[in-house]
C-alpha atoms as a PDB file:
ATOM      1  CA  MET A   1      19.274 -72.407  61.921  1.00  0.00           C
ATOM      2  CA  ALA A   2      18.636 -68.289  61.595  1.00  0.00           C
ATOM      3  CA  TYR A   3      20.652 -65.906  61.732  1.00  0.00           C
ATOM      4  CA  ARG A   4      19.540 -63.756  64.524  1.00  0.00           C
ATOM      5  CA  ILE A   5      19.620 -67.191  66.861  1.00  0.00           C
ATOM      6  CA  ASP A   6      23.583 -67.567  65.856  1.00  0.00           C
ATOM      7  CA  GLN A   7      24.527 -64.591  66.654  1.00  0.00           C
ATOM      8  CA  HIS A   8      23.089 -64.712  70.054  1.00  0.00           C
ATOM      9  CA  LEU A   9      24.760 -68.375  70.673  1.00  0.00           C
ATOM     10  CA  ASN A  10      28.014 -66.816  69.564  1.00  0.00           C
ATOM     11  CA  LYS A  11      27.597 -63.642  71.562  1.00  0.00           C
ATOM     12  CA  ASN A  12      28.539 -61.576  68.872  1.00  0.00           C
ATOM     13  CA  PHE A  13      27.151 -58.831  71.143  1.00  0.00           C
ATOM     14  CA  PRO A  14      29.467 -59.052  74.458  1.00  0.00           C
ATOM     15  CA  PHE A  15      27.607 -56.533  76.330  1.00  0.00           C
ATOM     16  CA  SER A  16      24.341 -56.776  75.317  1.00  0.00           C
ATOM     17  CA  PHE A  17      21.436 -58.754  77.637  1.00  0.00           C
ATOM     18  CA  THR A  18      21.467 -61.492  74.988  1.00  0.00           C
ATOM     19  CA  ALA A  19      25.208 -62.101  76.027  1.00  0.00           C
ATOM     20  CA  LYS A  20      23.681 -63.615  79.878  1.00  0.00           C
ATOM     21  CA  THR A  21      22.479 -66.287  78.911  1.00  0.00           C
ATOM     22  CA  ASP A  22      23.174 -69.359  75.987  1.00  0.00           C
ATOM     23  CA  ASP A  23      20.312 -71.245  76.112  1.00  0.00           C
ATOM     24  CA  TRP A  24      18.148 -69.330  73.448  1.00  0.00           C
ATOM     25  CA  MET A  25      15.719 -71.275  71.133  1.00  0.00           C
ATOM     26  CA  LEU A  26      14.352 -70.650  67.715  1.00  0.00           C
ATOM     27  CA  PHE A  27      10.344 -70.116  68.672  1.00  0.00           C
ATOM     28  CA  LEU A  28       9.123 -68.663  65.623  1.00  0.00           C
ATOM     29  CA  LEU A  29      10.934 -68.194  61.988  1.00  0.00           C
ATOM     30  CA  ILE A  30       8.896 -65.989  59.539  1.00  0.00           C
ATOM     31  CA  ASP A  31      10.679 -66.628  55.598  1.00  0.00           C
ATOM     32  CA  ASN A  32      12.010 -64.393  53.172  1.00  0.00           C
ATOM     33  CA  LEU A  33      12.388 -60.583  55.351  1.00  0.00           C
ATOM     34  CA  GLY A  34      15.418 -58.720  54.568  1.00  0.00           C
ATOM     35  CA  TYR A  35      17.750 -58.271  57.169  1.00  0.00           C
ATOM     36  CA  GLN A  36      16.404 -55.138  58.133  1.00  0.00           C
ATOM     37  CA  GLN A  37      12.892 -55.942  58.240  1.00  0.00           C
ATOM     38  CA  ALA A  38      13.468 -59.105  60.003  1.00  0.00           C
ATOM     39  CA  ARG A  39      14.796 -56.785  62.553  1.00  0.00           C
ATOM     40  CA  ASN A  40      12.368 -53.975  63.323  1.00  0.00           C
ATOM     41  CA  ILE A  41       9.921 -56.355  63.782  1.00  0.00           C
ATOM     42  CA  GLU A  42      11.957 -58.174  66.153  1.00  0.00           C
ATOM     43  CA  ILE A  43      12.346 -54.974  67.621  1.00  0.00           C
ATOM     44  CA  ASN A  44       9.114 -54.109  67.337  1.00  0.00           C
ATOM     45  CA  ILE A  45       8.588 -57.459  69.339  1.00  0.00           C
ATOM     46  CA  LYS A  46      10.359 -56.909  71.968  1.00  0.00           C
ATOM     47  CA  MET A  47       8.993 -53.119  72.817  1.00  0.00           C
ATOM     48  CA  MET A  48       5.779 -54.950  73.422  1.00  0.00           C
ATOM     49  CA  LYS A  49       7.197 -56.874  76.438  1.00  0.00           C
ATOM     50  CA  SER A  50       4.528 -58.910  76.731  1.00  0.00           C
ATOM     51  CA  LYS A  51       4.175 -63.076  76.951  1.00  0.00           C
ATOM     52  CA  LYS A  52       1.294 -63.236  75.690  1.00  0.00           C
ATOM     53  CA  PHE A  53       2.344 -61.114  72.263  1.00  0.00           C
ATOM     54  CA  ILE A  54       4.591 -63.597  71.823  1.00  0.00           C
ATOM     55  CA  GLU A  55       2.675 -66.691  72.492  1.00  0.00           C
ATOM     56  CA  ASN A  56      -0.127 -65.136  70.206  1.00  0.00           C
ATOM     57  CA  LEU A  57       2.578 -65.229  67.678  1.00  0.00           C
ATOM     58  CA  LYS A  58       1.794 -68.424  66.363  1.00  0.00           C
ATOM     59  CA  GLN A  59      -1.179 -68.886  67.477  1.00  0.00           C
ATOM     60  CA  PHE A  60      -2.580 -65.736  64.919  1.00  0.00           C
ATOM     61  CA  PRO A  61      -0.873 -65.973  61.463  1.00  0.00           C
ATOM     62  CA  GLU A  62      -2.985 -62.514  60.489  1.00  0.00           C
ATOM     63  CA  ILE A  63      -0.457 -60.892  63.335  1.00  0.00           C
ATOM     64  CA  ILE A  64       2.778 -61.825  61.536  1.00  0.00           C
ATOM     65  CA  LYS A  65       1.319 -60.472  58.170  1.00  0.00           C
ATOM     66  CA  ARG A  66       0.243 -57.062  59.587  1.00  0.00           C
ATOM     67  CA  LEU A  67       3.465 -56.852  61.030  1.00  0.00           C
ATOM     68  CA  THR A  68       5.517 -57.817  57.837  1.00  0.00           C
ATOM     69  CA  LEU A  69       3.404 -55.109  56.134  1.00  0.00           C
ATOM     70  CA  LYS A  70       3.973 -52.613  58.484  1.00  0.00           C
ATOM     71  CA  TYR A  71       8.284 -52.629  58.288  1.00  0.00           C
ATOM     72  CA  GLU A  72       7.722 -53.528  54.201  1.00  0.00           C
END
């Protein structure tokens, strides 16, 4: 399982929004990213606040490509 999901499931951030639930599941995995690059992409996705955008990540791989290039 991915490192970030483990962090959420183990409640490593007890006062964060993510600590309020324990049913996290992996939706999308982007391989071969450094920690900071992955965090920047995660923050970008969260800032979009769009369910449709998140769904489009799986449907359109070019979005992921653009995000990885943006945060290299």
